[in-house]
């Protein structure tokens, strides 16, 4: 009786399958990851020994640059969409879908209300007549004079953004992130703007002495 030939264990080349798996993984990472927008103003926060951390959910942040520029940011995309809708309704601004979509991705911004439609519709021009794009439009800060001395010609626009944030989400929390070189007068104007809406509880964002981020109530 003839013996059956011995057969070796079958082998499967997995190279192609591994390549496909990595291609799919790369595709999903690139299509589902939202990269962080570059901050519009650099803020060198003062140090503190507090170890309380800022909870970035449902938070409106007011950043103050070293030269007193005021910037606003909302952590939730739904809030950004909501405040922009309120602005469009109350100020009768027409914003393109692309502009509204871009606004919803911003970590912070510092454009005057009267310029919002020019910015988000890409109609801004420099004194030399050069056009700006959504990304390159100049953010010079939100006007924030003392609420008691604000006028029609020099309005306190920060109060408008605070109000729209509150209307969009009644659970909105607030934080101030001021540069170590910021003049106290500007910080006082920001605090007064919050207090005018009876917001007396907010966080002051600082930097821990060991370099970790933190907050103080």
Protein backbone atom coordinates (compact mmCIF):
# COMPACT_ATOMS: atom_id res chain seq x y z
CA UNK A 1 0.00 0.00 0.00
CA UNK A 2 1.40 3.34 -1.09
CA UNK A 3 2.05 5.94 1.61
CA UNK A 4 0.37 9.34 1.32
CA UNK A 5 2.84 12.16 0.74
CA UNK A 6 3.38 14.45 3.68
CA UNK A 7 1.98 17.91 3.21
CA UNK A 8 3.40 20.98 4.92
CA UNK A 9 1.24 23.45 6.79
CA UNK A 10 -0.37 26.01 4.45
CA UNK A 11 1.05 29.56 4.54
CA UNK A 12 -0.83 32.78 3.97
CA UNK A 13 0.90 35.97 2.88
CA UNK A 14 -0.53 38.73 5.14
CA UNK A 15 1.45 41.58 3.59
CA UNK A 16 -1.36 42.88 1.43
CA UNK A 17 -3.90 42.67 4.27
CA UNK A 18 -1.59 44.59 6.64
CA UNK A 19 -1.11 47.30 4.01
CA UNK A 20 -4.87 47.66 3.59
CA UNK A 21 -5.39 47.79 7.36
CA UNK A 22 -2.87 50.62 7.76
CA UNK A 23 -4.38 52.53 4.84
CA UNK A 24 -7.84 52.29 6.42
CA UNK A 25 -6.47 53.34 9.82
CA UNK A 26 -4.76 56.37 8.27
CA UNK A 27 -7.93 57.30 6.40
CA UNK A 28 -10.11 57.22 9.53
CA UNK A 29 -7.58 59.22 11.56
CA UNK A 30 -7.39 61.96 8.94
CA UNK A 31 -11.16 62.15 8.39
CA UNK A 32 -12.29 62.02 12.02
CA UNK A 33 -9.62 64.05 13.81
CA UNK A 34 -10.21 67.78 14.21
CA UNK A 35 -6.85 69.50 14.44
CA UNK A 36 -6.55 72.30 16.95
CA UNK A 37 -6.79 75.78 15.43
CA UNK A 38 -3.78 77.98 16.11
CA UNK A 39 -4.49 80.47 18.88
CA UNK A 40 -5.10 84.01 17.63
CA UNK A 41 -3.21 85.60 20.51
CA UNK A 42 -0.37 84.29 22.67
CA UNK A 43 -1.04 84.63 26.39
CA UNK A 44 1.72 84.19 28.96
CA UNK A 45 -0.40 83.42 32.02
CA UNK A 46 0.88 84.22 35.53
CA UNK A 47 1.96 81.36 37.80
CA UNK A 48 0.01 80.09 40.78
CA UNK A 49 0.12 77.30 43.36
CA UNK A 50 -3.51 76.32 42.79
CA UNK A 51 -4.08 72.77 41.52
CA UNK A 52 -7.69 73.17 40.32
CA UNK A 53 -8.15 72.29 36.65
CA UNK A 54 -10.42 74.10 34.19
CA UNK A 55 -13.26 71.93 32.93
CA UNK A 56 -13.44 72.82 29.25
CA UNK A 57 -17.05 71.70 28.71
CA UNK A 58 -19.65 74.46 28.28
CA UNK A 59 -17.01 77.11 28.86
CA UNK A 60 -16.60 80.62 27.47
CA UNK A 61 -13.03 81.86 27.70
CA UNK A 62 -12.00 85.51 27.53
CA UNK A 63 -8.31 85.80 26.61
CA UNK A 64 -6.42 89.07 27.11
CA UNK A 65 -3.14 89.68 25.29
CA UNK A 66 -0.18 91.61 26.63
CA UNK A 67 -1.28 94.71 24.70
CA UNK A 68 -4.86 94.53 25.97
CA UNK A 69 -6.46 92.74 23.01
CA UNK A 70 -9.56 90.79 24.05
CA UNK A 71 -10.46 87.49 22.39
CA UNK A 72 -13.43 85.21 22.96
CA UNK A 73 -13.66 81.44 22.68
CA UNK A 74 -16.36 78.81 23.21
CA UNK A 75 -15.30 75.22 23.84
CA UNK A 76 -18.44 73.58 22.42
CA UNK A 77 -19.10 73.55 18.67
CA UNK A 78 -22.86 73.72 19.27
CA UNK A 79 -22.36 76.93 21.27
CA UNK A 80 -20.32 78.52 18.50
CA UNK A 81 -23.07 77.69 16.05
CA UNK A 82 -25.71 79.07 18.42
CA UNK A 83 -24.03 82.40 19.14
CA UNK A 84 -23.41 82.99 15.44
CA UNK A 85 -27.09 82.39 14.67
CA UNK A 86 -28.09 84.90 17.35
CA UNK A 87 -25.65 87.45 15.95
CA UNK A 88 -27.03 86.95 12.43
CA UNK A 89 -30.59 87.41 13.66
CA UNK A 90 -30.04 90.45 15.88
CA UNK A 91 -27.48 92.25 13.71
CA UNK A 92 -29.06 91.18 10.41
CA UNK A 93 -25.86 89.66 9.13
CA UNK A 94 -25.82 87.25 6.19
CA UNK A 95 -23.09 84.62 6.64
CA UNK A 96 -22.25 82.00 4.03
CA UNK A 97 -22.42 78.30 4.89
CA UNK A 98 -18.66 78.00 4.46
CA UNK A 99 -18.10 80.97 6.77
CA UNK A 100 -20.44 79.59 9.42
CA UNK A 101 -18.76 76.20 9.21
CA UNK A 102 -15.34 77.80 9.62
CA UNK A 103 -16.51 79.83 12.62
CA UNK A 104 -17.68 76.64 14.34
CA UNK A 105 -14.11 75.28 14.24
CA UNK A 106 -12.45 78.28 15.91
CA UNK A 107 -10.92 78.00 19.36
CA UNK A 108 -11.07 81.79 19.72
CA UNK A 109 -11.58 84.95 17.70
CA UNK A 110 -11.18 88.71 18.01
CA UNK A 111 -13.11 90.46 15.23
CA UNK A 112 -15.48 93.40 15.69
CA UNK A 113 -19.16 92.61 15.22
CA UNK A 114 -19.48 95.03 12.30
CA UNK A 115 -16.72 93.12 10.50
CA UNK A 116 -18.07 89.61 11.10
CA UNK A 117 -19.86 89.32 7.75
CA UNK A 118 -16.89 90.74 5.81
CA UNK A 119 -14.59 88.28 7.55
CA UNK A 120 -16.72 85.14 7.24
CA UNK A 121 -17.75 85.98 3.67
CA UNK A 122 -14.11 86.67 2.73
CA UNK A 123 -14.75 90.26 1.73
CA UNK A 124 -12.12 91.91 3.92
CA UNK A 125 -9.54 94.15 2.28
CA UNK A 126 -6.41 95.84 3.57
CA UNK A 127 -5.66 99.53 3.15
CA UNK A 128 -3.64 98.52 0.07
CA UNK A 129 -6.67 96.77 -1.41
CA UNK A 130 -5.39 93.24 -0.75
CA UNK A 131 -8.06 90.66 0.01
CA UNK A 132 -7.98 88.52 3.17
CA UNK A 133 -8.97 84.89 3.45
CA UNK A 134 -10.88 83.35 6.35
CA UNK A 135 -7.61 82.21 7.93
CA UNK A 136 -5.59 85.39 7.38
CA UNK A 137 -8.21 87.98 8.34
CA UNK A 138 -6.69 90.26 11.05
CA UNK A 139 -8.04 89.71 14.55
CA UNK A 140 -7.40 92.98 16.36
CA UNK A 141 -9.47 92.18 19.44
CA UNK A 142 -13.03 92.72 20.66
CA UNK A 143 -13.76 96.25 21.95
CA UNK A 144 -14.09 96.07 25.74
CA UNK A 145 -14.19 99.54 27.28
CA UNK A 146 -15.47 100.10 30.81
CA UNK A 147 -19.21 99.24 30.57
CA UNK A 148 -20.07 102.45 32.43
CA UNK A 149 -18.30 104.59 29.84
CA UNK A 150 -19.21 102.61 26.72
CA UNK A 151 -20.97 104.56 23.96
CA UNK A 152 -22.56 103.87 20.58
CA UNK A 153 -19.30 104.94 18.95
CA UNK A 154 -17.23 102.87 21.40
CA UNK A 155 -19.43 99.92 22.41
CA UNK A 156 -18.56 97.12 24.81
CA UNK A 157 -18.95 94.19 22.41
CA UNK A 158 -17.75 91.63 24.95
CA UNK A 159 -21.07 92.01 26.75
CA UNK A 160 -22.87 90.99 23.56
CA UNK A 161 -20.86 87.77 23.27
CA UNK A 162 -21.44 87.01 26.95
CA UNK A 163 -25.18 87.47 26.48
CA UNK A 164 -25.28 85.32 23.35
CA UNK A 165 -23.31 82.63 25.12
CA UNK A 166 -25.75 82.61 28.03
CA UNK A 167 -28.78 82.56 25.70
CA UNK A 168 -27.31 79.61 23.82
CA UNK A 169 -26.60 77.62 26.98
CA UNK A 170 -27.88 78.64 30.41
CA UNK A 171 -25.26 76.36 31.98
CA UNK A 172 -22.41 78.33 30.41
CA UNK A 173 -19.37 78.82 32.65
CA UNK A 174 -16.80 81.57 32.23
CA UNK A 175 -13.03 81.89 32.52
CA UNK A 176 -10.54 84.74 32.09
CA UNK A 177 -7.08 84.04 30.68
CA UNK A 178 -4.93 87.14 31.05
CA UNK A 179 -1.34 87.71 30.06
CA UNK A 180 1.07 88.41 32.91
CA UNK A 181 1.77 91.84 31.37
CA UNK A 182 -1.88 92.79 30.87
CA UNK A 183 -2.86 96.11 32.41
CA UNK A 184 -5.24 95.75 35.35
CA UNK A 185 -7.65 98.22 33.77
CA UNK A 186 -8.39 95.82 30.90
CA UNK A 187 -8.91 92.89 33.27
CA UNK A 188 -11.22 95.10 35.36
CA UNK A 189 -13.26 95.95 32.25
CA UNK A 190 -13.66 92.25 31.46
CA UNK A 191 -14.76 91.46 35.02
CA UNK A 192 -17.20 94.40 34.97
CA UNK A 193 -18.63 93.12 31.68
CA UNK A 194 -19.37 89.78 33.33
CA UNK A 195 -20.78 91.38 36.47
CA UNK A 196 -23.13 93.57 34.42
CA UNK A 197 -24.89 90.29 33.53
CA UNK A 198 -24.76 89.27 37.21
CA UNK A 199 -22.01 86.75 36.56
CA UNK A 200 -19.92 86.87 39.71
CA UNK A 201 -18.45 83.38 39.59
CA UNK A 202 -15.75 82.72 37.03
CA UNK A 203 -12.30 81.14 36.76
CA UNK A 204 -8.94 82.84 36.38
CA UNK A 205 -6.70 80.65 34.27
CA UNK A 206 -3.08 80.57 35.45
CA UNK A 207 -0.04 78.36 35.07
CA UNK A 208 1.19 76.07 37.81
CA UNK A 209 4.71 76.74 38.99
CA UNK A 210 5.77 73.31 37.71
CA UNK A 211 4.42 74.19 34.25
CA UNK A 212 1.01 72.47 34.31
CA UNK A 213 -2.18 74.33 33.41
CA UNK A 214 -4.62 75.23 36.17
CA UNK A 215 -7.37 77.54 37.30
CA UNK A 216 -8.41 79.54 40.30
CA UNK A 217 -11.98 80.33 41.22
